[in-house]
N, C-alpha and C. Protein backbone atom coordinates (compact mmCIF):
# COMPACT_ATOMS: atom_id res chain seq x y z
N MET A 1 0.86 -1.18 0.00
CA MET A 1 0.00 0.00 0.00
C MET A 1 0.90 1.23 0.00
N GLY A 2 0.97 1.85 -1.12
CA GLY A 2 1.85 3.00 -1.25
C GLY A 2 1.11 4.30 -0.96
N VAL A 3 1.65 5.32 -1.54
CA VAL A 3 1.09 6.67 -1.37
C VAL A 3 -0.34 6.74 -1.90
N TRP A 4 -0.61 6.01 -3.01
CA TRP A 4 -1.95 6.05 -3.61
C TRP A 4 -3.00 5.47 -2.68
N GLY A 5 -2.61 4.61 -1.79
CA GLY A 5 -3.54 4.03 -0.82
C GLY A 5 -4.07 5.06 0.17
N TYR A 6 -3.36 6.16 0.32
CA TYR A 6 -3.82 7.24 1.19
C TYR A 6 -4.46 8.38 0.40
N ILE A 7 -3.93 8.66 -0.76
CA ILE A 7 -4.41 9.80 -1.55
C ILE A 7 -5.81 9.54 -2.13
N ILE A 8 -6.03 8.37 -2.69
CA ILE A 8 -7.32 8.08 -3.35
C ILE A 8 -8.49 8.17 -2.37
N PRO A 9 -8.44 7.58 -1.16
CA PRO A 9 -9.57 7.73 -0.24
C PRO A 9 -9.82 9.18 0.19
N ILE A 10 -8.75 9.94 0.37
CA ILE A 10 -8.91 11.34 0.79
C ILE A 10 -9.56 12.15 -0.33
N VAL A 11 -9.08 11.97 -1.56
CA VAL A 11 -9.65 12.68 -2.71
C VAL A 11 -11.11 12.27 -2.91
N THR A 12 -11.40 10.98 -2.76
CA THR A 12 -12.77 10.49 -2.91
C THR A 12 -13.68 11.11 -1.86
N LEU A 13 -13.20 11.20 -0.63
CA LEU A 13 -13.99 11.81 0.44
C LEU A 13 -14.28 13.27 0.14
N ILE A 14 -13.30 14.01 -0.31
CA ILE A 14 -13.49 15.43 -0.61
C ILE A 14 -14.46 15.61 -1.76
N VAL A 15 -14.29 14.83 -2.84
CA VAL A 15 -15.18 14.93 -4.00
C VAL A 15 -16.61 14.57 -3.61
N GLY A 16 -16.77 13.53 -2.79
CA GLY A 16 -18.10 13.13 -2.34
C GLY A 16 -18.76 14.19 -1.48
N ALA A 17 -18.00 14.80 -0.59
CA ALA A 17 -18.55 15.84 0.28
C ALA A 17 -18.98 17.06 -0.54
N VAL A 18 -18.14 17.48 -1.47
CA VAL A 18 -18.48 18.63 -2.30
C VAL A 18 -19.68 18.32 -3.18
N GLY A 19 -19.70 17.14 -3.79
CA GLY A 19 -20.84 16.74 -4.62
C GLY A 19 -22.12 16.64 -3.82
N GLY A 20 -22.05 16.10 -2.62
CA GLY A 20 -23.22 16.00 -1.75
C GLY A 20 -23.74 17.36 -1.33
N PHE A 21 -22.84 18.29 -1.05
CA PHE A 21 -23.24 19.64 -0.67
C PHE A 21 -24.00 20.32 -1.81
N PHE A 22 -23.44 20.29 -3.01
CA PHE A 22 -24.09 20.95 -4.13
C PHE A 22 -25.38 20.24 -4.53
N GLY A 23 -25.41 18.93 -4.40
CA GLY A 23 -26.65 18.20 -4.65
C GLY A 23 -27.73 18.59 -3.66
N GLY A 24 -27.37 18.75 -2.39
CA GLY A 24 -28.33 19.17 -1.37
C GLY A 24 -28.85 20.58 -1.61
N VAL A 25 -27.97 21.48 -2.00
CA VAL A 25 -28.38 22.86 -2.30
C VAL A 25 -29.35 22.88 -3.48
N PHE A 26 -29.04 22.12 -4.52
CA PHE A 26 -29.91 22.05 -5.69
C PHE A 26 -31.29 21.52 -5.30
N TYR A 27 -31.33 20.44 -4.50
CA TYR A 27 -32.59 19.84 -4.07
C TYR A 27 -33.40 20.83 -3.22
N LEU A 28 -32.74 21.51 -2.30
CA LEU A 28 -33.43 22.45 -1.43
C LEU A 28 -34.01 23.62 -2.24
N ARG A 29 -33.28 24.13 -3.20
CA ARG A 29 -33.80 25.22 -4.04
C ARG A 29 -35.03 24.79 -4.82
N LYS A 30 -34.99 23.58 -5.37
CA LYS A 30 -36.16 23.07 -6.12
C LYS A 30 -37.37 22.93 -5.20
N GLN A 31 -37.15 22.45 -3.98
CA GLN A 31 -38.25 22.31 -3.03
C GLN A 31 -38.84 23.67 -2.68
N LEU A 32 -38.00 24.67 -2.47
CA LEU A 32 -38.50 26.00 -2.14
C LEU A 32 -39.25 26.62 -3.31
N GLU A 33 -38.80 26.37 -4.53
CA GLU A 33 -39.51 26.89 -5.70
C GLU A 33 -40.90 26.26 -5.81
N ARG A 34 -40.98 24.95 -5.57
CA ARG A 34 -42.29 24.29 -5.63
C ARG A 34 -43.20 24.77 -4.49
N MET A 35 -42.60 25.05 -3.35
CA MET A 35 -43.38 25.46 -2.19
C MET A 35 -44.02 26.83 -2.40
N GLN A 36 -43.38 27.68 -3.19
CA GLN A 36 -43.92 29.02 -3.43
C GLN A 36 -45.29 28.97 -4.07
N SER A 37 -45.52 27.99 -4.92
CA SER A 37 -46.79 27.94 -5.63
C SER A 37 -47.76 26.93 -5.03
N ASP A 38 -47.36 26.21 -4.00
CA ASP A 38 -48.21 25.18 -3.41
C ASP A 38 -48.47 25.50 -1.93
N PRO A 39 -49.64 26.09 -1.61
CA PRO A 39 -49.91 26.45 -0.22
C PRO A 39 -50.00 25.24 0.71
N GLU A 40 -50.34 24.07 0.18
CA GLU A 40 -50.42 22.88 1.03
C GLU A 40 -49.04 22.50 1.56
N MET A 41 -48.01 22.68 0.74
CA MET A 41 -46.65 22.37 1.20
C MET A 41 -46.21 23.34 2.30
N ILE A 42 -46.60 24.61 2.16
CA ILE A 42 -46.26 25.59 3.20
C ILE A 42 -46.97 25.23 4.50
N GLN A 43 -48.24 24.87 4.40
CA GLN A 43 -49.02 24.50 5.58
C GLN A 43 -48.41 23.26 6.25
N LYS A 44 -47.99 22.29 5.45
CA LYS A 44 -47.40 21.06 6.00
C LYS A 44 -46.09 21.38 6.73
N MET A 45 -45.26 22.23 6.11
CA MET A 45 -44.00 22.61 6.75
C MET A 45 -44.25 23.35 8.06
N ALA A 46 -45.24 24.24 8.05
CA ALA A 46 -45.55 25.00 9.26
C ALA A 46 -46.03 24.06 10.37
N LYS A 47 -46.84 23.08 10.03
CA LYS A 47 -47.32 22.13 11.05
C LYS A 47 -46.17 21.31 11.61
N GLN A 48 -45.21 20.94 10.76
CA GLN A 48 -44.05 20.20 11.24
C GLN A 48 -43.22 21.04 12.21
N MET A 49 -43.26 22.35 12.02
CA MET A 49 -42.51 23.24 12.91
C MET A 49 -43.34 23.63 14.13
N GLY A 50 -44.59 23.18 14.20
CA GLY A 50 -45.42 23.46 15.37
C GLY A 50 -46.31 24.67 15.23
N TYR A 51 -46.47 25.20 14.02
CA TYR A 51 -47.32 26.36 13.80
C TYR A 51 -48.57 25.94 13.04
N ASN A 52 -49.66 26.65 13.28
CA ASN A 52 -50.89 26.42 12.53
C ASN A 52 -51.28 27.76 11.91
N LEU A 53 -51.10 27.90 10.60
CA LEU A 53 -51.30 29.17 9.92
C LEU A 53 -52.76 29.32 9.49
N ASN A 54 -53.30 30.52 9.72
CA ASN A 54 -54.62 30.80 9.18
C ASN A 54 -54.47 31.34 7.75
N LYS A 55 -55.59 31.68 7.11
CA LYS A 55 -55.56 32.06 5.70
C LYS A 55 -54.70 33.31 5.47
N GLN A 56 -54.85 34.31 6.35
CA GLN A 56 -54.08 35.55 6.18
C GLN A 56 -52.57 35.29 6.35
N GLN A 57 -52.21 34.49 7.33
CA GLN A 57 -50.81 34.18 7.54
C GLN A 57 -50.24 33.39 6.37
N MET A 58 -51.07 32.51 5.81
CA MET A 58 -50.63 31.72 4.66
C MET A 58 -50.35 32.63 3.47
N GLN A 59 -51.24 33.58 3.22
CA GLN A 59 -51.04 34.51 2.10
C GLN A 59 -49.78 35.34 2.32
N ARG A 60 -49.57 35.77 3.54
CA ARG A 60 -48.37 36.56 3.85
C ARG A 60 -47.10 35.72 3.64
N ALA A 61 -47.13 34.46 4.04
CA ALA A 61 -45.97 33.59 3.86
C ALA A 61 -45.69 33.37 2.38
N GLN A 62 -46.74 33.15 1.58
CA GLN A 62 -46.55 32.97 0.13
C GLN A 62 -45.98 34.24 -0.49
N HIS A 63 -46.51 35.39 -0.08
CA HIS A 63 -46.03 36.66 -0.62
C HIS A 63 -44.56 36.87 -0.28
N MET A 64 -44.18 36.56 0.96
CA MET A 64 -42.78 36.73 1.36
C MET A 64 -41.87 35.81 0.57
N MET A 65 -42.30 34.57 0.33
CA MET A 65 -41.46 33.63 -0.41
C MET A 65 -41.32 34.04 -1.87
N LYS A 66 -42.36 34.59 -2.46
CA LYS A 66 -42.28 35.02 -3.86
C LYS A 66 -41.38 36.24 -4.03
N ASN A 67 -41.40 37.13 -3.02
CA ASN A 67 -40.58 38.34 -3.10
C ASN A 67 -39.13 38.09 -2.74
N GLN A 68 -38.85 36.97 -2.12
CA GLN A 68 -37.49 36.69 -1.64
C GLN A 68 -36.78 35.79 -2.64
N LYS A 69 -36.34 36.38 -3.72
CA LYS A 69 -35.61 35.64 -4.76
C LYS A 69 -34.14 35.60 -4.38
N ALA A 70 -33.55 34.42 -4.42
CA ALA A 70 -32.13 34.28 -4.13
C ALA A 70 -31.32 34.78 -5.33
N PRO A 71 -30.33 35.62 -5.10
CA PRO A 71 -29.52 36.11 -6.23
C PRO A 71 -28.68 34.98 -6.80
N ARG A 72 -28.64 34.89 -8.12
CA ARG A 72 -27.83 33.88 -8.80
C ARG A 72 -26.43 34.42 -8.98
N ARG A 73 -25.45 33.59 -8.75
CA ARG A 73 -24.06 34.04 -8.91
C ARG A 73 -23.48 33.50 -10.16
């Protein structure tokens, strides 16, 4: 087991971590985009967090999510 026995696992770990991070960010952005147009998803998320939103609060949450566009780099 030479030098490559140490380098390959370390490089694989780094590539996997970076790939997993960007994959997670992509997935989260897609979920947030779908949530903007689906009030049931917002309601479900709020219930999971322990909140029960009424109609006015739901509209305000949708409005805030639509106005909060993440800047693309």
